[in-house]
Amino acid sequence: MADIEIIEEIRSRFDRLLASNFLDEAGWLMEALSFTHLQINADSIPEAWEHFQNLGEFPQFTLDEYPILEAMAAWYFEHRADPGRDETAMVARSLAIYEYLLAQVHGHEADAWYEDLLAGIGPTVVHLYCAIGRYDRAKFYVHLLDREYKNGRLREEDYLDVIRVYEVILIREREERGELLAGEEGEFRRINKICWETISARDRHIEALSVENARLAERLAREASPALFAKATEWLSSAFGSSSESLNADTRRLLELAHVFTQEPFRSSWFGALPSYTYLAVKSELLGRLQKHCLNAECSEVLKADPIKLLLGFGNKRHSPVDRDVIKRILTAAFGGRFNLSRHNLEILLLLKTHRDQAEHPEDNPVYGMEQHSILHKEVWASGWLTRFLDSLL
């Protein structure tokens, strides 16, 4: 099978499935691609995929085809340890495609449709270059990501993770030059650890306040209008049918509470209740399902994160390669083939998180009012997305 036919089939498969995991059952296509067996010199990684395309007879990939390029790059990394594979060579192939994609992104970093690509892929590229000892290229991407952070396109926790890697690079380079003083490495790590734990503690405090606020609002609302809660229970049974009993108890309670706050007089009293309680309900169900399949210390560490942020980071390639492997194993064990982390699902999860943040952090955002409430209700509730998404977890 010629490369042109393989590439055509890869494109066609993505068009049919429109899912980031479209290559999961099509490894034979990647195996048959001649690029999979091409040896790449470390110095030529940035140009390797473009050179391969120039030699082929198929149309070059464009920026709009970034989901396909991301999936192909991820496939090389995820299969690096398969029997008979040269792990370094597979990582080099993965990096070559990422390099080509990020070269296409250059100049479009602030465009609405592409603004998360460098911020999403860049940390992975830094990790991979470190893994093969190409610290010069890793540092190049650290500096690009520093710019993304200053422009507000890279999250603080992702930026700190990149800086932790940068710290390791500097230590290794100074060791090679014999310049590292005794105790200096420990001081580097101590400072970084304090920064990381400060961010984590702040996030945990915010989440705890959100849960406590939900409990208080529920108690007041139940006392004021028990009839609305009875109607919310009826809605839950109608929307989910027999599946409603499979939802976690906390999920059911939070969905009922969110539904109550779509009704008057509660809706107008606090528009921010809908994003807050919907977010907590989705988070509750995800966390419950994932924790059942998290049976070792390695994945327990990963799942300390908010599961919605975890999925957004995973979908946008914002985790380290090692963490991505762990997360993918957990997702496969928890959901099998039922759960589809499609682009649409990622967009709605991001919308939900954005609205929740706006509602719960008025000090950093405009007042959350009726207009935002209506948008969220339309996209998450009225569209049926919430029911479909939670059903896919059961």
Protein backbone atom coordinates (compact mmCIF):
# COMPACT_ATOMS: atom_id res chain seq x y z
CA MET A 1 0.00 0.00 0.00
CA ALA A 2 1.54 3.30 -1.10
CA ASP A 3 1.97 6.24 1.28
CA ILE A 4 -0.50 8.34 -0.75
CA GLU A 5 -3.21 5.68 -0.21
CA ILE A 6 -2.39 5.38 3.50
CA ILE A 7 -2.59 9.14 4.06
CA GLU A 8 -5.84 9.30 2.10
CA GLU A 9 -7.32 6.54 4.30
CA ILE A 10 -6.14 8.26 7.49
CA ARG A 11 -7.83 11.49 6.38
CA SER A 12 -10.97 9.62 5.37
CA ARG A 13 -11.11 7.77 8.68
CA PHE A 14 -10.92 11.02 10.63
CA ASP A 15 -13.68 12.56 8.48
CA ARG A 16 -15.92 9.58 9.27
CA LEU A 17 -15.29 9.39 13.01
CA LEU A 18 -14.45 13.02 13.94
CA ALA A 19 -12.85 11.86 17.19
CA SER A 20 -9.36 12.32 18.59
CA ASN A 21 -8.98 8.55 19.05
CA PHE A 22 -9.76 7.72 15.42
CA LEU A 23 -6.46 5.83 15.06
CA ASP A 24 -7.08 3.49 18.00
CA GLU A 25 -8.40 0.71 15.75
CA ALA A 26 -6.29 1.63 12.73
CA GLY A 27 -2.73 1.04 13.89
CA TRP A 28 -2.12 -0.98 10.75
CA LEU A 29 -2.28 2.25 8.72
CA MET A 30 0.43 3.87 10.81
CA GLU A 31 2.47 0.66 10.72
CA ALA A 32 2.27 0.57 6.92
CA LEU A 33 3.33 4.22 6.53
CA SER A 34 6.96 4.37 5.39
CA PHE A 35 7.63 7.23 7.83
CA THR A 36 7.19 4.69 10.66
CA HIS A 37 10.31 2.89 9.47
CA LEU A 38 12.35 5.95 8.59
CA GLN A 39 15.41 6.62 10.73
CA ILE A 40 15.58 10.27 11.74
CA ASN A 41 18.78 11.98 12.80
CA ALA A 42 18.20 14.01 15.98
CA ASP A 43 19.42 17.20 14.27
CA SER A 44 16.87 16.81 11.47
CA ILE A 45 13.77 16.23 13.62
CA PRO A 46 12.28 19.74 13.03
CA GLU A 47 12.27 19.25 9.23
CA ALA A 48 11.73 15.48 9.01
CA TRP A 49 7.94 15.40 8.50
CA GLU A 50 7.94 18.28 6.03
CA HIS A 51 10.73 16.55 4.09
CA PHE A 52 8.71 13.30 4.08
CA GLN A 53 5.67 15.12 2.70
CA ASN A 54 7.74 16.84 0.01
CA LEU A 55 8.96 13.46 -1.22
CA GLY A 56 5.44 12.00 -1.23
CA GLU A 57 2.71 12.52 -3.79
CA PHE A 58 -0.05 13.35 -1.30
CA PRO A 59 -1.23 16.90 -0.47
CA GLN A 60 0.60 18.38 2.49
CA PHE A 61 -1.29 18.66 5.76
CA THR A 62 -2.66 22.09 6.53
CA LEU A 63 -3.16 23.79 9.88
CA ASP A 64 -6.89 23.03 9.73
CA GLU A 65 -6.00 19.33 9.83
CA TYR A 66 -4.26 19.68 13.19
CA PRO A 67 -6.43 16.97 14.90
CA ILE A 68 -5.05 14.39 12.45
CA LEU A 69 -1.46 15.52 12.97
CA GLU A 70 -1.91 15.48 16.76
CA ALA A 71 -3.33 11.96 16.62
CA MET A 72 -0.48 10.69 14.44
CA ALA A 73 2.16 12.25 16.69
CA ALA A 74 0.45 10.79 19.77
CA TRP A 75 0.33 7.35 18.12
CA TYR A 76 4.11 7.27 17.70
CA PHE A 77 4.62 8.17 21.35
CA GLU A 78 2.02 5.75 22.68
CA HIS A 79 3.49 2.85 20.69
CA ARG A 80 7.13 3.63 21.42
CA ALA A 81 7.49 0.65 23.77
CA ASP A 82 5.78 -1.94 21.55
CA PRO A 83 7.81 -5.13 21.03
CA GLY A 84 10.51 -4.61 18.44
CA ARG A 85 10.27 -0.83 18.52
CA ASP A 86 13.21 1.55 18.84
CA GLU A 87 11.83 3.85 21.54
CA THR A 88 14.07 6.80 20.71
CA ALA A 89 13.21 6.54 17.02
CA MET A 90 9.46 6.50 17.78
CA VAL A 91 9.79 9.58 19.99
CA ALA A 92 11.74 11.30 17.21
CA ARG A 93 8.90 10.57 14.74
CA SER A 94 6.37 11.92 17.22
CA LEU A 95 8.43 15.09 17.66
CA ALA A 96 8.83 15.51 13.91
CA ILE A 97 5.06 15.73 13.40
CA TYR A 98 4.61 18.02 16.41
CA GLU A 99 7.36 20.27 15.04
CA TYR A 100 5.64 20.48 11.65
CA LEU A 101 2.29 21.27 13.27
CA LEU A 102 3.72 23.97 15.52
CA ALA A 103 5.52 25.52 12.56
CA GLN A 104 2.09 25.86 10.92
CA VAL A 105 0.73 27.45 14.11
CA HIS A 106 3.44 30.13 14.06
CA GLY A 107 1.77 33.48 13.50
CA HIS A 108 -1.67 32.14 14.48
CA GLU A 109 -1.06 31.72 18.21
CA ALA A 110 -3.65 34.39 19.06
CA ASP A 111 -6.29 33.18 16.57
CA ALA A 112 -9.39 31.99 18.39
CA TRP A 113 -9.44 28.54 16.76
CA TYR A 114 -5.73 27.80 17.21
CA GLU A 115 -4.83 29.68 20.39
CA ASP A 116 -4.66 26.54 22.54
CA LEU A 117 -2.40 24.54 20.20
CA LEU A 118 1.04 25.80 21.22
CA ALA A 119 -0.06 26.00 24.87
CA GLY A 120 -1.48 22.48 24.62
CA ILE A 121 1.22 20.71 22.63
CA GLY A 122 4.27 22.69 23.74
CA PRO A 123 4.66 21.09 27.20
CA THR A 124 4.58 17.63 25.63
CA VAL A 125 7.26 18.64 23.14
CA VAL A 126 9.44 19.95 25.99
CA HIS A 127 9.09 16.63 27.85
CA LEU A 128 9.85 14.56 24.75
CA TYR A 129 12.96 16.54 23.81
CA CYS A 130 14.22 16.15 27.37
CA ALA A 131 13.60 12.41 27.17
CA ILE A 132 16.01 12.10 24.22
CA GLY A 133 18.52 14.57 25.66
CA ARG A 134 17.95 17.40 23.17
CA TYR A 135 18.00 20.16 25.78
CA ASP A 136 18.64 22.94 23.26
CA ARG A 137 15.35 22.28 21.48
CA ALA A 138 13.51 21.81 24.77
CA LYS A 139 14.72 25.22 25.94
CA PHE A 140 13.55 26.77 22.67
CA TYR A 141 10.01 25.60 23.44
CA VAL A 142 10.25 26.64 27.08
CA HIS A 143 10.88 30.20 25.89
CA LEU A 144 7.92 30.03 23.48
CA LEU A 145 5.70 28.78 26.30
CA ASP A 146 6.92 31.56 28.55
CA ARG A 147 5.54 33.97 25.97
CA GLU A 148 2.26 32.03 25.84
CA TYR A 149 1.95 32.31 29.61
CA LYS A 150 2.59 36.06 29.58
CA ASN A 151 -0.08 36.43 26.88
CA GLY A 152 -2.60 34.55 29.01
CA ARG A 153 -2.84 31.45 26.80
CA LEU A 154 -0.99 29.01 29.08
CA ARG A 155 -2.45 28.06 32.45
CA GLU A 156 -0.45 28.78 35.56
CA GLU A 157 -0.18 25.13 36.60
CA ASP A 158 1.00 24.15 33.09
CA TYR A 159 3.55 26.94 33.15
CA LEU A 160 4.90 25.75 36.50
CA ASP A 161 5.20 22.23 35.13
CA VAL A 162 7.27 23.55 32.20
CA ILE A 163 9.46 25.56 34.58
CA ARG A 164 10.07 22.41 36.62
CA VAL A 165 11.39 20.74 33.48
CA TYR A 166 13.45 23.82 32.64
CA GLU A 167 14.94 23.61 36.12
CA VAL A 168 16.05 20.03 35.44
CA ILE A 169 17.58 21.05 32.10
CA LEU A 170 19.62 23.82 33.72
CA ILE A 171 20.79 21.48 36.47
CA ARG A 172 21.87 18.81 33.96
CA GLU A 173 23.70 21.34 31.81
CA ARG A 174 25.53 22.80 34.80
CA GLU A 175 26.42 19.30 35.99
CA GLU A 176 27.94 18.55 32.58
CA ARG A 177 30.01 21.73 32.84
CA GLY A 178 30.96 20.95 36.47
CA GLU A 179 29.41 24.20 37.69
CA LEU A 180 26.70 22.91 40.06
CA LEU A 181 27.50 23.64 43.70
CA ALA A 182 26.71 21.24 46.53
CA GLY A 183 23.14 21.69 47.74
CA GLU A 184 22.18 23.97 44.85
CA GLU A 185 19.96 21.39 43.14
CA GLY A 186 17.98 20.89 46.36
CA GLU A 187 17.41 24.65 46.64
CA PHE A 188 16.13 24.85 43.05
CA ARG A 189 13.64 22.08 43.76
CA ARG A 190 12.58 23.49 47.13
CA ILE A 191 11.60 26.85 45.62
CA ASN A 192 9.69 25.20 42.78
CA LYS A 193 7.90 22.86 45.18
CA ILE A 194 6.70 25.82 47.28
CA CYS A 195 5.26 27.50 44.14
CA TRP A 196 3.53 24.28 43.05
CA GLU A 197 2.02 23.57 46.45
CA THR A 198 0.78 27.17 46.73
CA ILE A 199 -1.20 26.77 43.50
CA SER A 200 -2.58 23.37 44.58
CA ALA A 201 -3.62 24.64 48.02
CA ARG A 202 -5.42 27.63 46.49
CA ASP A 203 -7.33 25.39 44.06
CA ARG A 204 -8.34 22.99 46.84
CA HIS A 205 -9.59 25.92 48.93
CA ILE A 206 -11.68 27.25 46.03
CA GLU A 207 -13.21 23.80 45.42
CA ALA A 208 -14.01 23.33 49.13
CA LEU A 209 -15.79 26.71 49.23
CA SER A 210 -17.78 25.77 46.13
CA VAL A 211 -18.99 22.50 47.67
CA GLU A 212 -19.88 24.17 50.97
CA ASN A 213 -21.77 26.91 49.12
CA ALA A 214 -23.77 24.24 47.27
CA ARG A 215 -24.75 22.56 50.53
CA LEU A 216 -25.91 25.85 52.06
CA ALA A 217 -27.91 26.86 48.97
CA GLU A 218 -29.53 23.43 48.82
CA ARG A 219 -30.66 23.58 52.44
CA LEU A 220 -32.17 27.07 52.02
CA ALA A 221 -33.86 26.17 48.73
CA ARG A 222 -35.35 22.92 50.06
CA GLU A 223 -36.83 24.77 53.02
CA ALA A 224 -38.25 27.50 50.78
CA SER A 225 -39.75 25.33 48.02
CA PRO A 226 -39.83 21.54 48.51
CA ALA A 227 -42.27 21.26 45.58
CA LEU A 228 -39.61 22.39 43.10
CA PHE A 229 -37.28 19.65 44.33
CA ALA A 230 -40.05 17.09 43.80
CA LYS A 231 -40.37 18.33 40.21
CA ALA A 232 -36.57 18.18 39.82
CA THR A 233 -36.62 14.52 40.88
CA GLU A 234 -39.30 13.83 38.28
CA TRP A 235 -37.20 15.60 35.64
CA LEU A 236 -34.15 13.50 36.53
CA SER A 237 -36.10 10.23 36.17
CA SER A 238 -37.59 11.41 32.88
CA ALA A 239 -34.28 12.65 31.41
CA PHE A 240 -32.16 9.63 32.34
CA GLY A 241 -34.79 6.91 32.59
CA SER A 242 -33.57 3.77 34.33
CA SER A 243 -30.00 5.09 34.10
CA SER A 244 -30.75 7.70 36.75
CA GLU A 245 -30.23 5.10 39.49
CA SER A 246 -26.76 4.38 38.12
CA LEU A 247 -25.64 7.96 38.71
CA ASN A 248 -23.75 8.68 41.93
CA ALA A 249 -25.95 9.92 44.74
CA ASP A 250 -24.04 13.23 44.83
CA THR A 251 -24.45 13.61 41.07
CA ARG A 252 -28.22 13.12 41.30
CA ARG A 253 -28.47 15.59 44.18
CA LEU A 254 -26.43 18.24 42.35
CA LEU A 255 -28.39 17.80 39.11
CA GLU A 256 -31.64 18.28 40.99
CA LEU A 257 -30.24 21.37 42.66
CA ALA A 258 -29.07 22.80 39.31
CA HIS A 259 -32.51 22.10 37.83
CA VAL A 260 -34.21 23.94 40.69
CA PHE A 261 -32.06 26.98 39.94
CA THR A 262 -33.37 27.05 36.36
CA GLN A 263 -36.79 27.82 37.82
CA GLU A 264 -38.15 31.01 39.35
CA PRO A 265 -37.81 32.44 41.93
CA PHE A 266 -34.37 30.85 42.35
CA ARG A 267 -33.05 31.48 38.82
CA SER A 268 -33.12 35.28 39.15
CA SER A 269 -31.80 35.18 42.71
CA TRP A 270 -28.48 33.70 41.56
CA PHE A 271 -27.72 33.13 37.87
CA GLY A 272 -24.36 31.63 38.81
CA ALA A 273 -25.97 28.63 40.48
CA LEU A 274 -26.53 26.82 37.18
CA PRO A 275 -22.84 26.70 36.08
CA SER A 276 -21.65 26.02 39.63
CA TYR A 277 -23.94 23.05 40.32
CA THR A 278 -23.76 21.65 36.79
CA TYR A 279 -19.96 21.69 37.03
CA LEU A 280 -20.03 19.96 40.41
CA ALA A 281 -22.45 17.31 39.09
CA VAL A 282 -20.26 16.44 36.08
CA LYS A 283 -17.17 16.49 38.28
CA SER A 284 -18.84 14.18 40.81
CA GLU A 285 -19.77 11.57 38.19
CA LEU A 286 -16.37 11.65 36.50
CA LEU A 287 -14.53 11.38 39.78
CA GLY A 288 -16.66 8.49 40.99
CA ARG A 289 -16.17 6.50 37.79
CA LEU A 290 -12.46 7.18 37.50
CA GLN A 291 -11.63 6.41 41.13
CA LYS A 292 -13.11 2.93 40.83
CA HIS A 293 -10.35 2.13 38.36
CA CYS A 294 -7.53 3.96 40.09
CA LEU A 295 -5.94 1.22 42.15
CA ASN A 296 -2.30 2.23 42.43
CA ALA A 297 -0.29 5.15 43.77
CA GLU A 298 0.76 6.30 40.29
CA CYS A 299 -2.75 7.00 39.03
CA SER A 300 -3.94 8.19 42.45
CA GLU A 301 -1.42 11.02 42.14
CA VAL A 302 -2.75 11.94 38.70
CA LEU A 303 -6.38 11.90 39.89
CA LYS A 304 -5.72 14.42 42.63
CA ALA A 305 -6.55 16.91 39.89
CA ASP A 306 -10.06 18.10 39.11
CA PRO A 307 -11.30 15.44 36.61
CA ILE A 308 -12.78 18.06 34.27
CA LYS A 309 -9.46 19.90 34.14
CA LEU A 310 -7.81 16.50 33.71
CA LEU A 311 -9.89 15.73 30.61
CA LEU A 312 -9.38 19.21 29.17
CA GLY A 313 -5.64 18.91 29.68
CA PHE A 314 -5.59 15.40 28.20
CA GLY A 315 -7.67 16.41 25.19
CA ASN A 316 -5.44 19.41 24.53
CA LYS A 317 -2.17 17.49 25.14
CA ARG A 318 -1.28 19.51 28.24
CA HIS A 319 0.03 16.63 30.34
CA SER A 320 3.49 15.13 30.35
CA PRO A 321 3.91 12.00 28.18
CA VAL A 322 4.13 9.81 31.29
CA ASP A 323 0.94 11.27 32.78
CA ARG A 324 -0.84 10.91 29.42
CA ASP A 325 -0.06 7.20 29.42
CA VAL A 326 -1.46 6.81 32.94
CA ILE A 327 -4.58 8.86 32.14
CA LYS A 328 -5.26 6.93 28.95
CA ARG A 329 -5.05 3.60 30.82
CA ILE A 330 -7.49 4.91 33.45
CA LEU A 331 -9.94 6.20 30.82
CA THR A 332 -9.82 2.92 28.92
CA ALA A 333 -10.37 0.88 32.09
CA ALA A 334 -13.18 3.13 33.35
CA PHE A 335 -15.14 3.64 30.14
CA GLY A 336 -13.87 1.20 27.51
CA GLY A 337 -15.12 2.33 24.11
CA ARG A 338 -18.28 4.02 25.43
CA PHE A 339 -16.73 7.36 26.24
CA ASN A 340 -15.76 9.70 23.40
CA LEU A 341 -13.56 12.66 24.24
CA SER A 342 -14.54 14.38 21.00
CA ARG A 343 -13.71 17.94 20.06
CA HIS A 344 -17.33 18.88 20.75
CA ASN A 345 -17.27 17.36 24.22
CA LEU A 346 -14.04 19.21 24.98
CA GLU A 347 -15.56 22.49 23.77
CA ILE A 348 -18.64 22.07 25.99
CA LEU A 349 -16.55 21.06 29.01
CA LEU A 350 -14.41 24.15 28.46
CA LEU A 351 -17.56 26.29 28.15
CA LEU A 352 -18.88 24.83 31.41
CA LYS A 353 -15.58 25.45 33.21
CA THR A 354 -15.37 29.02 31.86
CA HIS A 355 -18.90 29.82 33.02
CA ARG A 356 -18.27 28.23 36.41
CA ASP A 357 -15.09 30.31 36.83
CA GLN A 358 -16.91 33.50 35.82
CA ALA A 359 -19.74 32.81 38.27
CA GLU A 360 -17.52 31.91 41.22
CA HIS A 361 -14.74 34.48 40.69
CA PRO A 362 -16.51 37.82 40.23
CA GLU A 363 -13.35 39.61 41.32
CA ASP A 364 -11.70 38.58 38.05
CA ASN A 365 -14.73 38.63 35.72
CA PRO A 366 -17.81 40.66 34.76
CA VAL A 367 -20.95 39.95 36.78
CA TYR A 368 -22.49 36.63 35.73
CA GLY A 369 -26.00 37.53 34.57
CA MET A 370 -29.01 36.38 32.58
CA GLU A 371 -27.23 36.48 29.19
CA GLN A 372 -24.48 34.08 30.29
CA HIS A 373 -27.02 31.89 32.10
CA SER A 374 -29.09 31.61 28.90
CA ILE A 375 -26.05 30.62 26.80
CA LEU A 376 -25.05 27.88 29.23
CA HIS A 377 -28.61 26.57 29.56
CA LYS A 378 -28.95 26.39 25.77
CA GLU A 379 -25.59 24.68 25.10
CA VAL A 380 -25.45 22.30 28.06
CA TRP A 381 -29.04 21.64 29.16
CA ALA A 382 -31.53 22.41 26.38
CA SER A 383 -29.32 20.80 23.73
CA GLY A 384 -29.36 17.49 25.61
CA TRP A 385 -25.56 17.47 25.87
CA LEU A 386 -25.56 17.02 29.65
CA THR A 387 -27.76 13.92 29.51
CA ARG A 388 -25.82 12.39 26.62
CA PHE A 389 -22.46 13.05 28.22
CA LEU A 390 -23.36 11.61 31.62
CA ASP A 391 -25.06 8.62 29.93
CA SER A 392 -21.79 7.91 28.13
CA LEU A 393 -20.06 7.53 31.51
CA LEU A 394 -22.46 4.89 32.82
